[in-house]
Amino acid sequence: MDRKEKLQATLSGENHNGIISGFWYHFSQDAMYGEKAVQAHIDFYEAVNPDIQKVMNEHMFQIREKIEKPEDWKKVTHIPFSEGPYPSLIEEFKAIRKALPSDLPLFATVHGVLVSAYHATETPGNFKNPENMVSRHLRENPEAVSKGLDVIAESLIELCGELRKAGADGIYYAALGGEAYRFSEDIFTQYVKKYDSMVIDGINETGAISILHICKDQIRLPLYSGIDADIINWDTHDCEYGIGEGRKYFPGKTLLGGFDDRTGILVEGTEEEILRETDRIVNEAGRDKLIIGSDCTLPGDIEPWRIRKVIDYAHTL
């Protein structure tokens, strides 16, 4: 089997030799765009020889309207794709697809609806604060803010379609907003989950493989149950839901993860500890419908041999 065939076998629960893995990290600031971004992805491939690879997206969502109060979200209008922030991302993706082997599954990163609204209205780096503007506005007047989120969701679905045309095998959809400290369950379910589910459904309609990455800490995993993504990934080390519990809330889905992303065994441990942790993850989650990975992106300075060690060892399991 080639890599795409192994991925499809994993998704369908078919028996095949070994277990596949998926790891990634953000590249340095000088390699976020253009030719340097393309080369950074090539360098990562050559250093790691991954089973699947995620293509980063540092192109932030944009809106034309100035947002100051919750009611302003009603004014948000759709920007034609050719005039928005993403044509250069499509060109980068095409160049990466052309440069890497055809059997390597490539997943394009798409930021979630809520965090895209944040990117369009505030300086990056403060989303974790539950008092950022879009989070605060959504609590104050969810019906008004939802009018803008409607437009953003449709724009992201359009982006997913363009990435699929550019050669993406799948979309890595990074959903934010499910942290316990941000919204009540009702607000989350009616005005955040709704849009995440909408985009995942849009991805599925393109024929691409969908990864639901539930980002950030203290996430309430059961609230995401029912979103119809092919693969589910979340921060198992900063919430109460370990990798094995994903089987309860996402029956029949493929799980991705197991390793802590920023600290811990993969980042700091010995070779023996890394192999032992790989065994633990498989024992907890079961080998079927499992992709070994980490909670989120790894540190950019991680030694490639650490990732390579997991990938090679998992192939023997």
C-alpha atoms as a PDB file:
ATOM      1  CA  MET A   1       0.000   0.000   0.000  1.00  0.00           C
ATOM      2  CA  ASP A   2       1.113   3.547  -0.657  1.00  0.00           C
ATOM      3  CA  ARG A   3       0.462   6.315   1.865  1.00  0.00           C
ATOM      4  CA  LYS A   4      -2.907   7.364   0.503  1.00  0.00           C
ATOM      5  CA  GLU A   5      -4.081   3.763   0.506  1.00  0.00           C
ATOM      6  CA  LYS A   6      -2.945   3.298   4.113  1.00  0.00           C
ATOM      7  CA  LEU A   7      -4.833   6.421   5.142  1.00  0.00           C
ATOM      8  CA  GLN A   8      -8.006   5.209   3.451  1.00  0.00           C
ATOM      9  CA  ALA A   9      -7.598   1.789   5.082  1.00  0.00           C
ATOM     10  CA  THR A  10      -7.238   3.472   8.468  1.00  0.00           C
ATOM     11  CA  LEU A  11     -10.404   5.515   7.924  1.00  0.00           C
ATOM     12  CA  SER A  12     -12.401   2.464   6.893  1.00  0.00           C
ATOM     13  CA  GLY A  13     -11.063   0.293   9.724  1.00  0.00           C
ATOM     14  CA  GLU A  14      -9.414  -2.205   7.396  1.00  0.00           C
ATOM     15  CA  ASN A  15      -6.472  -4.240   8.621  1.00  0.00           C
ATOM     16  CA  HIS A  16      -3.104  -3.159   7.281  1.00  0.00           C
ATOM     17  CA  ASN A  17       0.460  -3.451   8.478  1.00  0.00           C
ATOM     18  CA  GLY A  18       1.405  -0.871  11.070  1.00  0.00           C
ATOM     19  CA  ILE A  19      -0.233   2.315  12.312  1.00  0.00           C
ATOM     20  CA  ILE A  20       0.144   5.667  10.591  1.00  0.00           C
ATOM     21  CA  SER A  21       1.128   8.937  12.284  1.00  0.00           C
ATOM     22  CA  GLY A  22       0.612  12.659  11.771  1.00  0.00           C
ATOM     23  CA  PHE A  23       2.780  15.400  13.333  1.00  0.00           C
ATOM     24  CA  TRP A  24       3.351  19.069  12.425  1.00  0.00           C
ATOM     25  CA  TYR A  25       4.568  22.396  13.747  1.00  0.00           C
ATOM     26  CA  HIS A  26       4.487  26.090  12.870  1.00  0.00           C
ATOM     27  CA  PHE A  27       7.431  27.283  10.836  1.00  0.00           C
ATOM     28  CA  SER A  28       9.499  30.346  11.687  1.00  0.00           C
ATOM     29  CA  GLN A  29       8.142  33.818  10.924  1.00  0.00           C
ATOM     30  CA  ASP A  30      10.394  34.211   7.907  1.00  0.00           C
ATOM     31  CA  ALA A  31       8.967  31.007   6.384  1.00  0.00           C
ATOM     32  CA  MET A  32       5.247  31.687   6.697  1.00  0.00           C
ATOM     33  CA  TYR A  33       4.537  32.934   3.176  1.00  0.00           C
ATOM     34  CA  GLY A  34       5.557  32.500  -0.424  1.00  0.00           C
ATOM     35  CA  GLU A  35       8.549  30.530  -1.631  1.00  0.00           C
ATOM     36  CA  LYS A  36      10.029  30.239   1.855  1.00  0.00           C
ATOM     37  CA  ALA A  37       6.822  28.645   3.135  1.00  0.00           C
ATOM     38  CA  VAL A  38       6.885  26.179   0.267  1.00  0.00           C
ATOM     39  CA  GLN A  39      10.523  25.293   0.979  1.00  0.00           C
ATOM     40  CA  ALA A  40       9.811  24.890   4.707  1.00  0.00           C
ATOM     41  CA  HIS A  41       7.191  22.234   3.934  1.00  0.00           C
ATOM     42  CA  ILE A  42       9.610  20.460   1.598  1.00  0.00           C
ATOM     43  CA  ASP A  43      12.319  20.545   4.268  1.00  0.00           C
ATOM     44  CA  PHE A  44       9.892  19.106   6.825  1.00  0.00           C
ATOM     45  CA  TYR A  45       8.999  16.274   4.472  1.00  0.00           C
ATOM     46  CA  GLU A  46      12.648  15.428   3.819  1.00  0.00           C
ATOM     47  CA  ALA A  47      13.514  15.478   7.538  1.00  0.00           C
ATOM     48  CA  VAL A  48      10.543  13.423   8.718  1.00  0.00           C
ATOM     49  CA  ASN A  49       9.168  11.390   5.757  1.00  0.00           C
ATOM     50  CA  PRO A  50       5.623  11.607   7.193  1.00  0.00           C
ATOM     51  CA  ASP A  51       2.625   9.388   6.543  1.00  0.00           C
ATOM     52  CA  ILE A  52       0.436  12.475   6.142  1.00  0.00           C
ATOM     53  CA  GLN A  53       1.408  16.138   6.093  1.00  0.00           C
ATOM     54  CA  LYS A  54      -0.427  19.305   7.105  1.00  0.00           C
ATOM     55  CA  VAL A  55       0.095  22.485   5.126  1.00  0.00           C
ATOM     56  CA  MET A  56       0.160  25.533   7.372  1.00  0.00           C
ATOM     57  CA  ASN A  57      -2.041  28.572   6.768  1.00  0.00           C
ATOM     58  CA  GLU A  58      -0.748  31.892   8.041  1.00  0.00           C
ATOM     59  CA  HIS A  59      -3.180  33.885   5.858  1.00  0.00           C
ATOM     60  CA  MET A  60      -5.716  35.424   8.229  1.00  0.00           C
ATOM     61  CA  PHE A  61      -9.386  36.004   7.478  1.00  0.00           C
ATOM     62  CA  GLN A  62     -10.407  39.547   6.560  1.00  0.00           C
ATOM     63  CA  ILE A  63     -13.571  41.638   6.609  1.00  0.00           C
ATOM     64  CA  ARG A  64     -14.091  45.169   5.282  1.00  0.00           C
ATOM     65  CA  GLU A  65     -16.392  46.425   7.995  1.00  0.00           C
ATOM     66  CA  LYS A  66     -15.254  48.060  11.240  1.00  0.00           C
ATOM     67  CA  ILE A  67     -16.560  46.191  14.282  1.00  0.00           C
ATOM     68  CA  GLU A  68     -17.014  48.091  17.532  1.00  0.00           C
ATOM     69  CA  LYS A  69     -20.275  46.790  19.015  1.00  0.00           C
ATOM     70  CA  PRO A  70     -22.189  43.492  18.681  1.00  0.00           C
ATOM     71  CA  GLU A  71     -24.711  44.945  16.220  1.00  0.00           C
ATOM     72  CA  ASP A  72     -21.886  45.776  13.783  1.00  0.00           C
ATOM     73  CA  TRP A  73     -21.546  42.085  12.920  1.00  0.00           C
ATOM     74  CA  LYS A  74     -24.834  42.362  11.015  1.00  0.00           C
ATOM     75  CA  LYS A  75     -23.016  44.544   8.450  1.00  0.00           C
ATOM     76  CA  VAL A  76     -20.407  41.925   7.498  1.00  0.00           C
ATOM     77  CA  THR A  77     -20.529  41.141   3.787  1.00  0.00           C
ATOM     78  CA  HIS A  78     -18.914  38.484   1.634  1.00  0.00           C
ATOM     79  CA  ILE A  79     -15.621  39.406  -0.048  1.00  0.00           C
ATOM     80  CA  PRO A  80     -15.176  37.766  -3.482  1.00  0.00           C
ATOM     81  CA  PHE A  81     -12.550  35.038  -3.220  1.00  0.00           C
ATOM     82  CA  SER A  82     -10.207  36.702  -5.715  1.00  0.00           C
ATOM     83  CA  GLU A  83     -10.193  39.892  -3.612  1.00  0.00           C
ATOM     84  CA  GLY A  84      -9.688  38.231  -0.229  1.00  0.00           C
ATOM     85  CA  PRO A  85      -6.637  36.935   1.657  1.00  0.00           C
ATOM     86  CA  TYR A  86      -6.502  33.424   0.227  1.00  0.00           C
ATOM     87  CA  PRO A  87      -5.383  33.392  -3.460  1.00  0.00           C
ATOM     88  CA  SER A  88      -1.732  33.431  -2.353  1.00  0.00           C
ATOM     89  CA  LEU A  89      -2.450  30.499  -0.005  1.00  0.00           C
ATOM     90  CA  ILE A  90      -3.834  28.551  -2.963  1.00  0.00           C
ATOM     91  CA  GLU A  91      -0.667  29.241  -4.959  1.00  0.00           C
ATOM     92  CA  GLU A  92       1.517  28.120  -2.052  1.00  0.00           C
ATOM     93  CA  PHE A  93      -0.528  24.955  -1.685  1.00  0.00           C
ATOM     94  CA  LYS A  94      -0.261  24.147  -5.395  1.00  0.00           C
ATOM     95  CA  ALA A  95       3.518  24.568  -5.262  1.00  0.00           C
ATOM     96  CA  ILE A  96       3.793  22.297  -2.209  1.00  0.00           C
ATOM     97  CA  ARG A  97       1.563  19.692  -3.839  1.00  0.00           C
ATOM     98  CA  LYS A  98       3.710  19.746  -6.973  1.00  0.00           C
ATOM     99  CA  ALA A  99       6.963  19.427  -5.027  1.00  0.00           C
ATOM    100  CA  LEU A 100       5.981  16.490  -2.784  1.00  0.00           C
ATOM    101  CA  PRO A 101       5.275  12.865  -3.742  1.00  0.00           C
ATOM    102  CA  SER A 102       1.853  12.231  -5.240  1.00  0.00           C
ATOM    103  CA  ASP A 103       1.077   9.455  -2.736  1.00  0.00           C
ATOM    104  CA  LEU A 104       1.555  11.785   0.268  1.00  0.00           C
ATOM    105  CA  PRO A 105      -1.821  12.866   1.694  1.00  0.00           C
ATOM    106  CA  LEU A 106      -1.799  16.643   2.123  1.00  0.00           C
ATOM    107  CA  PHE A 107      -4.151  18.375   4.556  1.00  0.00           C
ATOM    108  CA  ALA A 108      -4.707  22.109   4.236  1.00  0.00           C
ATOM    109  CA  THR A 109      -5.212  24.116   7.417  1.00  0.00           C
ATOM    110  CA  VAL A 110      -8.415  26.142   7.701  1.00  0.00           C
ATOM    111  CA  HIS A 111      -8.994  28.223  10.832  1.00  0.00           C
ATOM    112  CA  GLY A 112     -12.390  27.894  12.493  1.00  0.00           C
ATOM    113  CA  VAL A 113     -15.282  30.322  12.153  1.00  0.00           C
ATOM    114  CA  LEU A 114     -14.949  31.937  15.580  1.00  0.00           C
ATOM    115  CA  VAL A 115     -11.192  32.390  15.442  1.00  0.00           C
ATOM    116  CA  SER A 116     -11.463  33.683  11.869  1.00  0.00           C
ATOM    117  CA  ALA A 117     -13.818  36.358  13.187  1.00  0.00           C
ATOM    118  CA  TYR A 118     -11.167  37.143  15.804  1.00  0.00           C
ATOM    119  CA  HIS A 119      -8.371  37.283  13.220  1.00  0.00           C
ATOM    120  CA  ALA A 120     -10.416  39.786  11.203  1.00  0.00           C
ATOM    121  CA  THR A 121     -10.931  42.188  14.097  1.00  0.00           C
ATOM    122  CA  GLU A 122      -8.048  41.962  16.587  1.00  0.00           C
ATOM    123  CA  THR A 123      -4.285  41.587  16.742  1.00  0.00           C
ATOM    124  CA  PRO A 124      -3.233  37.900  16.745  1.00  0.00           C
ATOM    125  CA  GLY A 125      -2.168  36.380  20.046  1.00  0.00           C
ATOM    126  CA  ASN A 126      -5.018  37.256  22.377  1.00  0.00           C
ATOM    127  CA  PHE A 127      -7.704  34.750  21.423  1.00  0.00           C
ATOM    128  CA  LYS A 128      -7.182  32.729  24.598  1.00  0.00           C
ATOM    129  CA  ASN A 129      -8.555  35.660  26.599  1.00  0.00           C
ATOM    130  CA  PRO A 130     -12.335  35.011  26.817  1.00  0.00           C
ATOM    131  CA  GLU A 131     -12.825  38.787  26.851  1.00  0.00           C
ATOM    132  CA  ASN A 132     -11.572  39.232  23.297  1.00  0.00           C
ATOM    133  CA  MET A 133     -14.073  41.208  21.255  1.00  0.00           C
ATOM    134  CA  VAL A 134     -15.831  38.516  19.249  1.00  0.00           C
ATOM    135  CA  SER A 135     -16.220  36.254  22.309  1.00  0.00           C
ATOM    136  CA  ARG A 136     -17.555  39.131  24.379  1.00  0.00           C
ATOM    137  CA  HIS A 137     -19.921  40.272  21.635  1.00  0.00           C
ATOM    138  CA  LEU A 138     -21.236  36.744  21.133  1.00  0.00           C
ATOM    139  CA  ARG A 139     -22.162  36.507  24.799  1.00  0.00           C
ATOM    140  CA  GLU A 140     -23.781  39.962  24.720  1.00  0.00           C
ATOM    141  CA  ASN A 141     -25.830  39.622  21.519  1.00  0.00           C
ATOM    142  CA  PRO A 142     -25.501  36.209  19.887  1.00  0.00           C
ATOM    143  CA  GLU A 143     -28.192  36.802  17.255  1.00  0.00           C
ATOM    144  CA  ALA A 144     -26.450  39.895  15.917  1.00  0.00           C
ATOM    145  CA  VAL A 145     -22.991  38.301  15.885  1.00  0.00           C
ATOM    146  CA  SER A 146     -24.353  35.185  14.191  1.00  0.00           C
ATOM    147  CA  LYS A 147     -25.166  37.255  11.085  1.00  0.00           C
ATOM    148  CA  GLY A 148     -21.460  37.893  10.621  1.00  0.00           C
ATOM    149  CA  LEU A 149     -20.537  34.315  11.478  1.00  0.00           C
ATOM    150  CA  ASP A 150     -22.912  33.139   8.731  1.00  0.00           C
ATOM    151  CA  VAL A 151     -20.889  35.074   6.175  1.00  0.00           C
ATOM    152  CA  ILE A 152     -17.575  33.837   7.564  1.00  0.00           C
ATOM    153  CA  ALA A 153     -18.707  30.198   7.535  1.00  0.00           C
ATOM    154  CA  GLU A 154     -19.769  30.424   3.891  1.00  0.00           C
ATOM    155  CA  SER A 155     -16.453  32.048   2.982  1.00  0.00           C
ATOM    156  CA  LEU A 156     -14.509  29.261   4.711  1.00  0.00           C
ATOM    157  CA  ILE A 157     -16.551  26.620   2.891  1.00  0.00           C
ATOM    158  CA  GLU A 158     -15.614  28.373  -0.359  1.00  0.00           C
ATOM    159  CA  LEU A 159     -11.949  28.294   0.712  1.00  0.00           C
ATOM    160  CA  CYS A 160     -12.177  24.551   1.393  1.00  0.00           C
ATOM    161  CA  GLY A 161     -13.542  23.999  -2.095  1.00  0.00           C
ATOM    162  CA  GLU A 162     -10.695  25.982  -3.662  1.00  0.00           C
ATOM    163  CA  LEU A 163      -8.114  24.049  -1.645  1.00  0.00           C
ATOM    164  CA  ARG A 164      -9.672  20.787  -2.786  1.00  0.00           C
ATOM    165  CA  LYS A 165      -9.360  21.928  -6.401  1.00  0.00           C
ATOM    166  CA  ALA A 166      -5.715  22.819  -5.686  1.00  0.00           C
ATOM    167  CA  GLY A 167      -4.989  19.208  -4.720  1.00  0.00           C
ATOM    168  CA  ALA A 168      -5.787  18.934  -1.025  1.00  0.00           C
ATOM    169  CA  ASP A 169      -6.626  15.407   0.049  1.00  0.00           C
ATOM    170  CA  GLY A 170      -8.135  16.747   3.241  1.00  0.00           C
ATOM    171  CA  ILE A 171      -8.841  19.801   5.360  1.00  0.00           C
ATOM    172  CA  TYR A 172      -7.538  20.240   8.899  1.00  0.00           C
ATOM    173  CA  TYR A 173     -10.250  22.421  10.417  1.00  0.00           C
ATOM    174  CA  ALA A 174      -9.086  24.103  13.632  1.00  0.00           C
ATOM    175  CA  ALA A 175     -12.158  24.702  15.814  1.00  0.00           C
ATOM    176  CA  LEU A 176     -11.854  27.105  18.752  1.00  0.00           C
ATOM    177  CA  GLY A 177     -14.430  28.240  21.272  1.00  0.00           C
ATOM    178  CA  GLY A 178     -15.233  25.049  23.162  1.00  0.00           C
ATOM    179  CA  GLU A 179     -13.160  25.942  26.207  1.00  0.00           C
ATOM    180  CA  ALA A 180     -15.145  25.653  29.453  1.00  0.00           C
ATOM    181  CA  TYR A 181     -14.232  29.192  30.513  1.00  0.00           C
ATOM    182  CA  ARG A 182     -15.442  30.947  27.316  1.00  0.00           C
ATOM    183  CA  PHE A 183     -19.161  30.308  26.731  1.00  0.00           C
ATOM    184  CA  SER A 184     -22.144  28.681  28.362  1.00  0.00           C
ATOM    185  CA  GLU A 185     -23.142  25.341  26.867  1.00  0.00           C
ATOM    186  CA  ASP A 186     -26.163  26.949  25.216  1.00  0.00           C
ATOM    187  CA  ILE A 187     -24.134  29.687  23.525  1.00  0.00           C
ATOM    188  CA  PHE A 188     -21.539  27.198  22.393  1.00  0.00           C
ATOM    189  CA  THR A 189     -24.060  24.738  20.978  1.00  0.00           C
ATOM    190  CA  GLN A 190     -26.260  27.276  19.213  1.00  0.00           C
ATOM    191  CA  TYR A 191     -23.651  29.718  17.924  1.00  0.00           C
ATOM    192  CA  VAL A 192     -20.267  27.982  17.753  1.00  0.00           C
ATOM    193  CA  LYS A 193     -20.826  24.274  17.200  1.00  0.00           C
ATOM    194  CA  LYS A 194     -23.454  25.133  14.605  1.00  0.00           C
ATOM    195  CA  TYR A 195     -20.875  26.822  12.389  1.00  0.00           C
ATOM    196  CA  ASP A 196     -18.117  24.282  12.971  1.00  0.00           C
ATOM    197  CA  SER A 197     -20.532  21.558  11.929  1.00  0.00           C
ATOM    198  CA  MET A 198     -21.571  23.600   8.882  1.00  0.00           C
ATOM    199  CA  VAL A 199     -17.986  23.919   7.649  1.00  0.00           C
ATOM    200  CA  ILE A 200     -17.211  20.236   8.291  1.00  0.00           C
ATOM    201  CA  ASP A 201     -20.294  19.300   6.252  1.00  0.00           C
ATOM    202  CA  GLY A 202     -19.054  21.613   3.498  1.00  0.00           C
ATOM    203  CA  ILE A 203     -15.657  19.908   3.537  1.00  0.00           C
ATOM    204  CA  ASN A 204     -17.279  16.493   3.296  1.00  0.00           C
ATOM    205  CA  GLU A 205     -19.320  17.618   0.290  1.00  0.00           C
ATOM    206  CA  THR A 206     -16.100  18.373  -1.614  1.00  0.00           C
ATOM    207  CA  GLY A 207     -14.942  14.771  -1.153  1.00  0.00           C
ATOM    208  CA  ALA A 208     -12.001  15.854   0.994  1.00  0.00           C
ATOM    209  CA  ILE A 209     -11.129  14.055   4.231  1.00  0.00           C
ATOM    210  CA  SER A 210     -12.099  16.193   7.213  1.00  0.00           C
ATOM    211  CA  ILE A 211     -10.058  16.529  10.399  1.00  0.00           C
ATOM    212  CA  LEU A 212     -11.818  18.272  13.293  1.00  0.00           C
ATOM    213  CA  HIS A 213      -9.020  19.708  15.414  1.00  0.00           C
ATOM    214  CA  ILE A 214     -10.530  20.915  18.693  1.00  0.00           C
ATOM    215  CA  CYS A 215      -7.986  23.488  19.761  1.00  0.00           C
ATOM    216  CA  LYS A 216      -7.097  24.995  23.167  1.00  0.00           C
ATOM    217  CA  ASP A 217      -7.470  23.733  26.725  1.00  0.00           C
ATOM    218  CA  GLN A 218     -10.348  22.701  29.020  1.00  0.00           C
ATOM    219  CA  ILE A 219     -12.486  21.688  26.073  1.00  0.00           C
ATOM    220  CA  ARG A 220     -15.805  19.967  26.743  1.00  0.00           C
ATOM    221  CA  LEU A 221     -15.393  17.066  24.367  1.00  0.00           C
ATOM    222  CA  PRO A 222     -18.958  15.694  24.646  1.00  0.00           C
ATOM    223  CA  LEU A 223     -20.334  18.965  23.269  1.00  0.00           C
ATOM    224  CA  TYR A 224     -18.599  18.264  19.951  1.00  0.00           C
ATOM    225  CA  SER A 225     -20.252  14.878  19.578  1.00  0.00           C
ATOM    226  CA  GLY A 226     -22.297  14.687  16.396  1.00  0.00           C
ATOM    227  CA  ILE A 227     -20.016  16.793  14.208  1.00  0.00           C
ATOM    228  CA  ASP A 228     -19.480  14.530  11.214  1.00  0.00           C
ATOM    229  CA  ALA A 229     -15.712  14.796  10.690  1.00  0.00           C
ATOM    230  CA  ASP A 230     -13.716  11.791   9.505  1.00  0.00           C
ATOM    231  CA  ILE A 231     -10.890  12.326  12.020  1.00  0.00           C
ATOM    232  CA  ILE A 232     -11.014  13.874  15.505  1.00  0.00           C
ATOM    233  CA  ASN A 233      -8.055  15.490  17.309  1.00  0.00           C
ATOM    234  CA  TRP A 234      -8.040  17.374  20.632  1.00  0.00           C
ATOM    235  CA  ASP A 235      -5.844  18.359  23.569  1.00  0.00           C
ATOM    236  CA  THR A 236      -5.984  15.230  25.705  1.00  0.00           C
ATOM    237  CA  HIS A 237      -3.471  16.571  28.220  1.00  0.00           C
ATOM    238  CA  ASP A 238      -5.260  19.814  29.160  1.00  0.00           C
ATOM    239  CA  CYS A 239      -8.765  18.441  29.562  1.00  0.00           C
ATOM    240  CA  GLU A 240     -10.380  15.484  31.311  1.00  0.00           C
ATOM    241  CA  TYR A 241     -10.860  13.387  28.174  1.00  0.00           C
ATOM    242  CA  GLY A 242      -8.066  10.983  27.235  1.00  0.00           C
ATOM    243  CA  ILE A 243      -7.533   9.591  23.750  1.00  0.00           C
ATOM    244  CA  GLY A 244      -9.517   6.434  24.472  1.00  0.00           C
ATOM    245  CA  GLU A 245     -12.618   8.392  25.480  1.00  0.00           C
ATOM    246  CA  GLY A 246     -12.968   9.644  21.942  1.00  0.00           C
ATOM    247  CA  ARG A 247     -14.475   6.252  21.090  1.00  0.00           C
ATOM    248  CA  LYS A 248     -17.430   7.075  23.343  1.00  0.00           C
ATOM    249  CA  TYR A 249     -18.196  10.506  21.907  1.00  0.00           C
ATOM    250  CA  PHE A 250     -17.192   9.874  18.290  1.00  0.00           C
ATOM    251  CA  PRO A 251     -18.173   6.272  17.547  1.00  0.00           C
ATOM    252  CA  GLY A 252     -16.866   4.994  14.248  1.00  0.00           C
ATOM    253  CA  LYS A 253     -14.519   7.940  13.722  1.00  0.00           C
ATOM    254  CA  THR A 254     -10.738   7.851  13.398  1.00  0.00           C
ATOM    255  CA  LEU A 255      -8.865   9.405  16.331  1.00  0.00           C
ATOM    256  CA  LEU A 256      -5.665  11.421  15.941  1.00  0.00           C
ATOM    257  CA  GLY A 257      -3.306  12.231  18.799  1.00  0.00           C
ATOM    258  CA  GLY A 258      -2.060  10.830  22.093  1.00  0.00           C
ATOM    259  CA  PHE A 259       1.197  12.736  22.655  1.00  0.00           C
ATOM    260  CA  ASP A 260       1.476  16.002  24.578  1.00  0.00           C
ATOM    261  CA  ASP A 261       2.428  18.715  22.122  1.00  0.00           C
ATOM    262  CA  ARG A 262       4.507  21.373  23.894  1.00  0.00           C
ATOM    263  CA  THR A 263       6.229  19.472  26.698  1.00  0.00           C
ATOM    264  CA  GLY A 264       6.460  15.892  27.873  1.00  0.00           C
ATOM    265  CA  ILE A 265       7.792  12.662  26.480  1.00  0.00           C
ATOM    266  CA  LEU A 266       7.897  13.365  22.749  1.00  0.00           C
ATOM    267  CA  VAL A 267       9.539  16.764  23.244  1.00  0.00           C
ATOM    268  CA  GLU A 268      11.843  15.925  26.148  1.00  0.00           C
ATOM    269  CA  GLY A 269      11.938  12.162  26.678  1.00  0.00           C
ATOM    270  CA  THR A 270      14.438   9.491  25.786  1.00  0.00           C
ATOM    271  CA  GLU A 271      14.048   7.112  22.854  1.00  0.00           C
ATOM    272  CA  GLU A 272      12.907   4.370  25.200  1.00  0.00           C
ATOM    273  CA  GLU A 273      10.315   6.643  26.805  1.00  0.00           C
ATOM    274  CA  ILE A 274       8.979   7.692  23.394  1.00  0.00           C
ATOM    275  CA  LEU A 275       8.485   4.093  22.311  1.00  0.00           C
ATOM    276  CA  ARG A 276       6.845   3.213  25.618  1.00  0.00           C
ATOM    277  CA  GLU A 277       4.448   6.148  25.298  1.00  0.00           C
ATOM    278  CA  THR A 278       3.569   5.076  21.761  1.00  0.00           C
ATOM    279  CA  ASP A 279       2.605   1.657  23.127  1.00  0.00           C
ATOM    280  CA  ARG A 280       0.513   3.295  25.849  1.00  0.00           C
ATOM    281  CA  ILE A 281      -1.414   5.369  23.321  1.00  0.00           C
ATOM    282  CA  VAL A 282      -2.182   2.336  21.182  1.00  0.00           C
ATOM    283  CA  ASN A 283      -3.238   0.307  24.218  1.00  0.00           C
ATOM    284  CA  GLU A 284      -5.580   3.075  25.365  1.00  0.00           C
ATOM    285  CA  ALA A 285      -7.122   3.972  22.019  1.00  0.00           C
ATOM    286  CA  GLY A 286      -6.918   0.634  20.191  1.00  0.00           C
ATOM    287  CA  ARG A 287      -5.005   0.232  16.948  1.00  0.00           C
ATOM    288  CA  ASP A 288      -7.995   0.405  14.604  1.00  0.00           C
ATOM    289  CA  LYS A 289      -9.031   3.815  13.300  1.00  0.00           C
ATOM    290  CA  LEU A 290      -6.076   5.452  15.014  1.00  0.00           C
ATOM    291  CA  ILE A 291      -3.516   7.963  13.734  1.00  0.00           C
ATOM    292  CA  ILE A 292      -0.781   8.601  16.271  1.00  0.00           C
ATOM    293  CA  GLY A 293      -0.025  12.274  16.710  1.00  0.00           C
ATOM    294  CA  SER A 294       0.033  15.080  19.243  1.00  0.00           C
ATOM    295  CA  ASP A 295      -2.549  17.348  20.837  1.00  0.00           C
ATOM    296  CA  CYS A 296      -1.637  20.253  18.562  1.00  0.00           C
ATOM    297  CA  THR A 297       1.403  21.638  16.753  1.00  0.00           C
ATOM    298  CA  LEU A 298       4.798  20.670  18.149  1.00  0.00           C
ATOM    299  CA  PRO A 299       7.542  23.184  19.008  1.00  0.00           C
ATOM    300  CA  GLY A 300       9.275  24.373  15.876  1.00  0.00           C
ATOM    301  CA  ASP A 301      12.690  23.450  17.256  1.00  0.00           C
ATOM    302  CA  ILE A 302      11.850  19.823  18.053  1.00  0.00           C
ATOM    303  CA  GLU A 303      14.524  17.413  16.885  1.00  0.00           C
ATOM    304  CA  PRO A 304      13.206  15.573  13.797  1.00  0.00           C
ATOM    305  CA  TRP A 305      14.482  12.201  15.036  1.00  0.00           C
ATOM    306  CA  ARG A 306      11.826  12.259  17.749  1.00  0.00           C
ATOM    307  CA  ILE A 307       9.001  12.436  15.227  1.00  0.00           C
ATOM    308  CA  ARG A 308      10.743   9.957  12.957  1.00  0.00           C
ATOM    309  CA  LYS A 309      11.133   7.487  15.844  1.00  0.00           C
ATOM    310  CA  VAL A 310       7.366   7.400  16.465  1.00  0.00           C
ATOM    311  CA  ILE A 311       6.539   7.060  12.767  1.00  0.00           C
ATOM    312  CA  ASP A 312       8.989   4.191  12.211  1.00  0.00           C
ATOM    313  CA  TYR A 313       8.009   2.358  15.383  1.00  0.00           C
ATOM    314  CA  ALA A 314       4.259   2.726  14.720  1.00  0.00           C
ATOM    315  CA  HIS A 315       4.769   1.084  11.329  1.00  0.00           C
ATOM    316  CA  THR A 316       5.850  -2.084  13.154  1.00  0.00           C
ATOM    317  CA  LEU A 317       2.792  -2.310  15.398  1.00  0.00           C
END
